[in-house]
Amino acid sequence: MPPERMLPARDLGLFLCAALTLAPSPGQHLQRNSALDISRVKAAQCEYRGITASFEELTRAYAIEVYREPALVRWQTRPSAHDPEHEALVTGIFTAAGLKRPLAEHTPFREIRDQALPAFGVTWRLSDLGKVRIAAHDEYAQDALATFRQTVDSLLARMVYSLSPVQLRAAPAPDQEILATLEPGTALTQEEERPGWVRVRIPATTTTGWVPQDQLRTLSHE
């Protein structure tokens, strides 16, 4: 059996140098897929009281609800300093002309809203260690979640449904034009009340009309 062939010292040194160059150093991390990180955050679902929205919808809705003339500039991402291999920070960058309404003194996010103009970013932390998880990274993201919860609470407080087939009328009187006939259990949003009548809107549409109040039940009765 031939003896083992030994590398000359010079060749061994070159081999070790090349191996060290190709091997990741302790401070070197894998490059994340930025486009994938952004799409994951935008498509992820957030749920509160049975109402579901994607984080992209939630982020855009926050800008529309709080700011005047908001415009999405771009989405951007960077590795998280905490765990750059498994976490990324994904930010929606917006511009805005101002706040929609004056803030009450007790509003917890008053200061950051005042500082948001003319541009602000809503940053979410994406973790894909084990499974994909999304969390608020900064105060704007926390404000967006709080605004989403407030919007859902307000919406559910105004939600009603029909107890039986009911006719949607153009005005609050039984002889007015019939706009539509609603099936039992149809979900509706309350817009206005008159004695014995409620003006309602069919969600996700602009269709409104009047329904006898005794034909409706609020979700809070459930």
C-alpha atoms as a PDB file:
ATOM      1  CA  MET A   1       0.000   0.000   0.000  1.00  0.00           C
ATOM      2  CA  PRO A   2       1.556   3.354  -1.041  1.00  0.00           C
ATOM      3  CA  PRO A   3       2.422   5.745   1.754  1.00  0.00           C
ATOM      4  CA  GLU A   4       0.087   8.697   2.349  1.00  0.00           C
ATOM      5  CA  ARG A   5       0.981  11.674   0.192  1.00  0.00           C
ATOM      6  CA  MET A   6       1.593  14.821   2.201  1.00  0.00           C
ATOM      7  CA  LEU A   7       1.007  18.312   0.796  1.00  0.00           C
ATOM      8  CA  PRO A   8       4.066  20.518   0.816  1.00  0.00           C
ATOM      9  CA  ALA A   9       3.908  23.187   3.491  1.00  0.00           C
ATOM     10  CA  ARG A  10       3.367  25.964   0.910  1.00  0.00           C
ATOM     11  CA  ASP A  11       0.474  24.085  -0.774  1.00  0.00           C
ATOM     12  CA  LEU A  12      -1.061  23.229   2.603  1.00  0.00           C
ATOM     13  CA  GLY A  13      -1.011  26.894   3.561  1.00  0.00           C
ATOM     14  CA  LEU A  14      -2.742  27.885   0.300  1.00  0.00           C
ATOM     15  CA  PHE A  15      -5.356  25.166   0.803  1.00  0.00           C
ATOM     16  CA  LEU A  16      -6.168  26.308   4.335  1.00  0.00           C
ATOM     17  CA  CYS A  17      -6.330  29.946   3.230  1.00  0.00           C
ATOM     18  CA  ALA A  18      -8.837  29.081   0.474  1.00  0.00           C
ATOM     19  CA  ALA A  19     -10.946  26.973   2.858  1.00  0.00           C
ATOM     20  CA  LEU A  20     -11.106  29.789   5.394  1.00  0.00           C
ATOM     21  CA  THR A  21     -12.120  32.236   2.662  1.00  0.00           C
ATOM     22  CA  LEU A  22     -15.012  30.022   1.516  1.00  0.00           C
ATOM     23  CA  ALA A  23     -16.246  29.120   5.003  1.00  0.00           C
ATOM     24  CA  PRO A  24     -18.607  31.645   6.680  1.00  0.00           C
ATOM     25  CA  SER A  25     -16.933  33.649   9.399  1.00  0.00           C
ATOM     26  CA  PRO A  26     -18.680  33.868  12.817  1.00  0.00           C
ATOM     27  CA  GLY A  27     -19.978  37.361  11.950  1.00  0.00           C
ATOM     28  CA  GLN A  28     -21.082  36.532   8.386  1.00  0.00           C
ATOM     29  CA  HIS A  29     -24.760  35.728   7.714  1.00  0.00           C
ATOM     30  CA  LEU A  30     -26.696  34.386   4.796  1.00  0.00           C
ATOM     31  CA  GLN A  31     -28.279  36.889   2.419  1.00  0.00           C
ATOM     32  CA  ARG A  32     -32.056  37.053   2.882  1.00  0.00           C
ATOM     33  CA  ASN A  33     -34.491  37.135  -0.003  1.00  0.00           C
ATOM     34  CA  SER A  34     -35.862  40.685   0.332  1.00  0.00           C
ATOM     35  CA  ALA A  35     -38.713  40.238  -2.139  1.00  0.00           C
ATOM     36  CA  LEU A  36     -39.857  37.073  -0.354  1.00  0.00           C
ATOM     37  CA  ASP A  37     -39.691  38.749   3.070  1.00  0.00           C
ATOM     38  CA  ILE A  38     -41.852  41.649   1.840  1.00  0.00           C
ATOM     39  CA  SER A  39     -44.414  39.356   0.185  1.00  0.00           C
ATOM     40  CA  ARG A  40     -44.631  37.206   3.322  1.00  0.00           C
ATOM     41  CA  VAL A  41     -45.414  40.190   5.534  1.00  0.00           C
ATOM     42  CA  LYS A  42     -47.908  41.706   3.083  1.00  0.00           C
ATOM     43  CA  ALA A  43     -49.817  38.416   2.697  1.00  0.00           C
ATOM     44  CA  ALA A  44     -49.808  37.354   6.380  1.00  0.00           C
ATOM     45  CA  GLN A  45     -53.193  37.516   8.116  1.00  0.00           C
ATOM     46  CA  CYS A  46     -54.135  39.415  11.260  1.00  0.00           C
ATOM     47  CA  GLU A  47     -57.366  38.470  13.081  1.00  0.00           C
ATOM     48  CA  TYR A  48     -59.348  40.311  15.746  1.00  0.00           C
ATOM     49  CA  ARG A  49     -62.867  39.409  16.931  1.00  0.00           C
ATOM     50  CA  GLY A  50     -63.415  37.270  13.865  1.00  0.00           C
ATOM     51  CA  ILE A  51     -62.428  40.031  11.426  1.00  0.00           C
ATOM     52  CA  THR A  52     -59.408  39.138   9.280  1.00  0.00           C
ATOM     53  CA  ALA A  53     -57.136  41.418   7.265  1.00  0.00           C
ATOM     54  CA  SER A  54     -53.739  41.004   5.665  1.00  0.00           C
ATOM     55  CA  PHE A  55     -50.875  43.040   7.097  1.00  0.00           C
ATOM     56  CA  GLU A  56     -50.757  44.958   3.816  1.00  0.00           C
ATOM     57  CA  GLU A  57     -54.454  45.866   4.178  1.00  0.00           C
ATOM     58  CA  LEU A  58     -53.961  46.694   7.860  1.00  0.00           C
ATOM     59  CA  THR A  59     -50.981  48.949   7.121  1.00  0.00           C
ATOM     60  CA  ARG A  60     -52.717  50.800   4.283  1.00  0.00           C
ATOM     61  CA  ALA A  61     -55.938  51.145   6.309  1.00  0.00           C
ATOM     62  CA  TYR A  62     -53.961  52.703   9.172  1.00  0.00           C
ATOM     63  CA  ALA A  63     -52.505  55.336   6.852  1.00  0.00           C
ATOM     64  CA  ILE A  64     -55.949  56.104   5.393  1.00  0.00           C
ATOM     65  CA  GLU A  65     -57.665  56.240   8.793  1.00  0.00           C
ATOM     66  CA  VAL A  66     -55.134  58.478  10.557  1.00  0.00           C
ATOM     67  CA  TYR A  67     -53.494  60.696   7.901  1.00  0.00           C
ATOM     68  CA  ARG A  68     -54.635  63.083   5.170  1.00  0.00           C
ATOM     69  CA  GLU A  69     -53.627  62.268   1.601  1.00  0.00           C
ATOM     70  CA  PRO A  70     -51.421  59.280   2.483  1.00  0.00           C
ATOM     71  CA  ALA A  71     -49.352  57.745  -0.300  1.00  0.00           C
ATOM     72  CA  LEU A  72     -47.365  54.514  -0.156  1.00  0.00           C
ATOM     73  CA  VAL A  73     -43.851  55.206  -1.431  1.00  0.00           C
ATOM     74  CA  ARG A  74     -42.393  51.688  -1.227  1.00  0.00           C
ATOM     75  CA  TRP A  75     -41.865  48.596   0.883  1.00  0.00           C
ATOM     76  CA  GLN A  76     -38.316  47.944   2.057  1.00  0.00           C
ATOM     77  CA  THR A  77     -36.600  45.359   4.233  1.00  0.00           C
ATOM     78  CA  ARG A  78     -33.434  44.772   6.189  1.00  0.00           C
ATOM     79  CA  PRO A  79     -32.130  41.915   8.364  1.00  0.00           C
ATOM     80  CA  SER A  80     -32.965  42.131  12.038  1.00  0.00           C
ATOM     81  CA  ALA A  81     -29.966  42.915  14.240  1.00  0.00           C
ATOM     82  CA  HIS A  82     -31.330  40.456  16.812  1.00  0.00           C
ATOM     83  CA  ASP A  83     -31.298  37.408  14.493  1.00  0.00           C
ATOM     84  CA  PRO A  84     -30.367  38.390  10.931  1.00  0.00           C
ATOM     85  CA  GLU A  85     -30.553  34.824   9.603  1.00  0.00           C
ATOM     86  CA  HIS A  86     -34.121  34.183  10.755  1.00  0.00           C
ATOM     87  CA  GLU A  87     -35.646  37.643  11.185  1.00  0.00           C
ATOM     88  CA  ALA A  88     -36.212  40.627   8.916  1.00  0.00           C
ATOM     89  CA  LEU A  89     -37.673  44.080   9.446  1.00  0.00           C
ATOM     90  CA  VAL A  90     -40.152  45.003   6.723  1.00  0.00           C
ATOM     91  CA  THR A  91     -41.267  48.629   6.461  1.00  0.00           C
ATOM     92  CA  GLY A  92     -44.023  50.343   4.518  1.00  0.00           C
ATOM     93  CA  ILE A  93     -42.887  53.905   3.785  1.00  0.00           C
ATOM     94  CA  PHE A  94     -45.640  56.536   3.427  1.00  0.00           C
ATOM     95  CA  THR A  95     -45.936  60.253   2.882  1.00  0.00           C
ATOM     96  CA  ALA A  96     -48.888  62.288   4.187  1.00  0.00           C
ATOM     97  CA  ALA A  97     -50.164  65.862   4.094  1.00  0.00           C
ATOM     98  CA  GLY A  98     -51.290  65.927   7.721  1.00  0.00           C
ATOM     99  CA  LEU A  99     -53.413  64.279  10.379  1.00  0.00           C
ATOM    100  CA  LYS A 100     -57.100  63.712   9.717  1.00  0.00           C
ATOM    101  CA  ARG A 101     -58.289  65.029  13.071  1.00  0.00           C
ATOM    102  CA  PRO A 102     -56.810  66.634  16.200  1.00  0.00           C
ATOM    103  CA  LEU A 103     -55.549  64.098  18.694  1.00  0.00           C
ATOM    104  CA  ALA A 104     -56.863  63.852  22.234  1.00  0.00           C
ATOM    105  CA  GLU A 105     -54.269  64.454  24.914  1.00  0.00           C
ATOM    106  CA  HIS A 106     -54.601  60.895  26.222  1.00  0.00           C
ATOM    107  CA  THR A 107     -53.974  59.239  22.853  1.00  0.00           C
ATOM    108  CA  PRO A 108     -50.982  56.938  23.514  1.00  0.00           C
ATOM    109  CA  PHE A 109     -49.466  57.470  20.047  1.00  0.00           C
ATOM    110  CA  ARG A 110     -49.969  61.248  19.882  1.00  0.00           C
ATOM    111  CA  GLU A 111     -46.252  62.038  19.826  1.00  0.00           C
ATOM    112  CA  ILE A 112     -45.307  59.680  16.998  1.00  0.00           C
ATOM    113  CA  ARG A 113     -48.238  60.859  14.890  1.00  0.00           C
ATOM    114  CA  ASP A 114     -47.107  64.459  15.300  1.00  0.00           C
ATOM    115  CA  GLN A 115     -43.608  63.434  14.236  1.00  0.00           C
ATOM    116  CA  ALA A 116     -44.810  61.393  11.241  1.00  0.00           C
ATOM    117  CA  LEU A 117     -45.087  64.262   8.782  1.00  0.00           C
ATOM    118  CA  PRO A 118     -44.198  64.534   5.990  1.00  0.00           C
ATOM    119  CA  ALA A 119     -43.120  60.853   5.919  1.00  0.00           C
ATOM    120  CA  PHE A 120     -43.302  57.841   8.212  1.00  0.00           C
ATOM    121  CA  GLY A 121     -42.624  54.108   8.169  1.00  0.00           C
ATOM    122  CA  VAL A 122     -44.621  51.221   9.644  1.00  0.00           C
ATOM    123  CA  THR A 123     -42.198  48.403  10.494  1.00  0.00           C
ATOM    124  CA  TRP A 124     -43.106  44.768  11.063  1.00  0.00           C
ATOM    125  CA  ARG A 125     -40.739  42.081  12.360  1.00  0.00           C
ATOM    126  CA  LEU A 126     -40.860  38.865  10.347  1.00  0.00           C
ATOM    127  CA  SER A 127     -39.569  35.673  11.953  1.00  0.00           C
ATOM    128  CA  ASP A 128     -39.326  32.455   9.948  1.00  0.00           C
ATOM    129  CA  LEU A 129     -37.666  30.316  12.614  1.00  0.00           C
ATOM    130  CA  GLY A 130     -39.928  27.250  12.799  1.00  0.00           C
ATOM    131  CA  LYS A 131     -42.947  29.056  11.362  1.00  0.00           C
ATOM    132  CA  VAL A 132     -43.673  32.490   9.937  1.00  0.00           C
ATOM    133  CA  ARG A 133     -44.620  35.018  12.613  1.00  0.00           C
ATOM    134  CA  ILE A 134     -45.274  38.758  12.269  1.00  0.00           C
ATOM    135  CA  ALA A 135     -45.024  41.233  15.159  1.00  0.00           C
ATOM    136  CA  ALA A 136     -45.027  45.000  15.547  1.00  0.00           C
ATOM    137  CA  HIS A 137     -41.446  46.277  15.584  1.00  0.00           C
ATOM    138  CA  ASP A 138     -41.951  50.013  16.112  1.00  0.00           C
ATOM    139  CA  GLU A 139     -44.578  52.345  17.570  1.00  0.00           C
ATOM    140  CA  TYR A 140     -46.141  53.003  14.171  1.00  0.00           C
ATOM    141  CA  ALA A 141     -46.847  49.289  13.802  1.00  0.00           C
ATOM    142  CA  GLN A 142     -48.259  49.224  17.346  1.00  0.00           C
ATOM    143  CA  ASP A 143     -50.431  52.225  16.429  1.00  0.00           C
ATOM    144  CA  ALA A 144     -51.588  50.406  13.271  1.00  0.00           C
ATOM    145  CA  LEU A 145     -52.658  47.364  15.323  1.00  0.00           C
ATOM    146  CA  ALA A 146     -54.457  49.560  17.868  1.00  0.00           C
ATOM    147  CA  THR A 147     -56.225  51.417  15.044  1.00  0.00           C
ATOM    148  CA  PHE A 148     -57.275  48.103  13.470  1.00  0.00           C
ATOM    149  CA  ARG A 149     -58.766  46.932  16.777  1.00  0.00           C
ATOM    150  CA  GLN A 150     -60.596  50.249  17.276  1.00  0.00           C
ATOM    151  CA  THR A 151     -61.973  50.092  13.725  1.00  0.00           C
ATOM    152  CA  VAL A 152     -63.221  46.520  14.226  1.00  0.00           C
ATOM    153  CA  ASP A 153     -64.808  47.427  17.575  1.00  0.00           C
ATOM    154  CA  SER A 154     -66.585  50.389  15.972  1.00  0.00           C
ATOM    155  CA  LEU A 155     -67.700  48.305  13.001  1.00  0.00           C
ATOM    156  CA  LEU A 156     -69.085  45.469  15.130  1.00  0.00           C
ATOM    157  CA  ALA A 157     -70.935  47.954  17.351  1.00  0.00           C
ATOM    158  CA  ARG A 158     -72.795  49.114  14.225  1.00  0.00           C
ATOM    159  CA  MET A 159     -73.357  45.693  12.683  1.00  0.00           C
ATOM    160  CA  VAL A 160     -76.882  44.279  12.538  1.00  0.00           C
ATOM    161  CA  TYR A 161     -78.525  41.421  10.680  1.00  0.00           C
ATOM    162  CA  SER A 162     -82.019  40.814   9.355  1.00  0.00           C
ATOM    163  CA  LEU A 163     -84.255  38.395  11.259  1.00  0.00           C
ATOM    164  CA  SER A 164     -86.413  37.503   8.241  1.00  0.00           C
ATOM    165  CA  PRO A 165     -86.752  38.485   4.586  1.00  0.00           C
ATOM    166  CA  VAL A 166     -86.930  42.273   4.663  1.00  0.00           C
ATOM    167  CA  GLN A 167     -87.303  44.982   2.040  1.00  0.00           C
ATOM    168  CA  LEU A 168     -84.708  47.723   1.786  1.00  0.00           C
ATOM    169  CA  ARG A 169     -86.560  50.974   1.025  1.00  0.00           C
ATOM    170  CA  ALA A 170     -85.484  54.336  -0.359  1.00  0.00           C
ATOM    171  CA  ALA A 171     -86.987  56.271   2.583  1.00  0.00           C
ATOM    172  CA  PRO A 172     -88.228  55.427   6.110  1.00  0.00           C
ATOM    173  CA  ALA A 173     -91.825  54.583   5.234  1.00  0.00           C
ATOM    174  CA  PRO A 174     -93.599  51.355   4.180  1.00  0.00           C
ATOM    175  CA  ASP A 175     -94.866  52.857   0.909  1.00  0.00           C
ATOM    176  CA  GLN A 176     -91.453  53.953  -0.375  1.00  0.00           C
ATOM    177  CA  GLU A 177     -89.547  52.435  -3.307  1.00  0.00           C
ATOM    178  CA  ILE A 178     -88.114  48.977  -2.688  1.00  0.00           C
ATOM    179  CA  LEU A 179     -84.387  48.927  -3.454  1.00  0.00           C
ATOM    180  CA  ALA A 180     -83.712  45.293  -2.590  1.00  0.00           C
ATOM    181  CA  THR A 181     -85.083  42.323  -0.684  1.00  0.00           C
ATOM    182  CA  LEU A 182     -82.684  41.026   1.955  1.00  0.00           C
ATOM    183  CA  GLU A 183     -82.448  37.395   2.972  1.00  0.00           C
ATOM    184  CA  PRO A 184     -82.641  36.372   6.651  1.00  0.00           C
ATOM    185  CA  GLY A 185     -79.261  36.733   8.341  1.00  0.00           C
ATOM    186  CA  THR A 186     -77.970  39.384   5.934  1.00  0.00           C
ATOM    187  CA  ALA A 187     -75.236  41.405   7.659  1.00  0.00           C
ATOM    188  CA  LEU A 188     -75.713  45.181   7.499  1.00  0.00           C
ATOM    189  CA  THR A 189     -74.055  48.308   8.861  1.00  0.00           C
ATOM    190  CA  GLN A 190     -76.158  50.899  10.690  1.00  0.00           C
ATOM    191  CA  GLU A 191     -75.808  54.400   9.232  1.00  0.00           C
ATOM    192  CA  GLU A 192     -78.682  56.392  10.770  1.00  0.00           C
ATOM    193  CA  GLU A 193     -81.750  55.948  12.969  1.00  0.00           C
ATOM    194  CA  ARG A 194     -85.263  57.398  12.746  1.00  0.00           C
ATOM    195  CA  PRO A 195     -88.244  56.438  14.919  1.00  0.00           C
ATOM    196  CA  GLY A 196     -88.992  52.825  14.000  1.00  0.00           C
ATOM    197  CA  TRP A 197     -86.517  52.753  11.108  1.00  0.00           C
ATOM    198  CA  VAL A 198     -82.789  52.264  10.544  1.00  0.00           C
ATOM    199  CA  ARG A 199     -80.803  53.318   7.504  1.00  0.00           C
ATOM    200  CA  VAL A 200     -78.353  50.531   6.727  1.00  0.00           C
ATOM    201  CA  ARG A 201     -75.605  49.836   4.224  1.00  0.00           C
ATOM    202  CA  ILE A 202     -74.787  46.509   2.677  1.00  0.00           C
ATOM    203  CA  PRO A 203     -71.087  45.953   3.578  1.00  0.00           C
ATOM    204  CA  ALA A 204     -68.522  46.260   0.779  1.00  0.00           C
ATOM    205  CA  THR A 205     -71.057  48.170  -1.338  1.00  0.00           C
ATOM    206  CA  THR A 206     -72.459  51.689  -1.572  1.00  0.00           C
ATOM    207  CA  THR A 207     -76.053  50.402  -1.393  1.00  0.00           C
ATOM    208  CA  THR A 208     -78.002  51.988   1.464  1.00  0.00           C
ATOM    209  CA  GLY A 209     -81.661  52.011   2.394  1.00  0.00           C
ATOM    210  CA  TRP A 210     -84.182  51.932   5.224  1.00  0.00           C
ATOM    211  CA  VAL A 211     -85.365  48.874   7.131  1.00  0.00           C
ATOM    212  CA  PRO A 212     -87.926  48.608   9.971  1.00  0.00           C
ATOM    213  CA  GLN A 213     -86.044  48.577  13.242  1.00  0.00           C
ATOM    214  CA  ASP A 214     -87.976  45.584  14.601  1.00  0.00           C
ATOM    215  CA  GLN A 215     -86.679  43.470  11.689  1.00  0.00           C
ATOM    216  CA  LEU A 216     -83.071  43.825  12.800  1.00  0.00           C
ATOM    217  CA  ARG A 217     -80.924  42.500  15.591  1.00  0.00           C
ATOM    218  CA  THR A 218     -77.503  43.770  16.665  1.00  0.00           C
ATOM    219  CA  LEU A 219     -74.524  41.457  16.977  1.00  0.00           C
ATOM    220  CA  SER A 220     -74.140  42.569  20.596  1.00  0.00           C
ATOM    221  CA  HIS A 221     -77.312  40.608  21.391  1.00  0.00           C
ATOM    222  CA  GLU A 222     -75.537  37.369  20.498  1.00  0.00           C
END
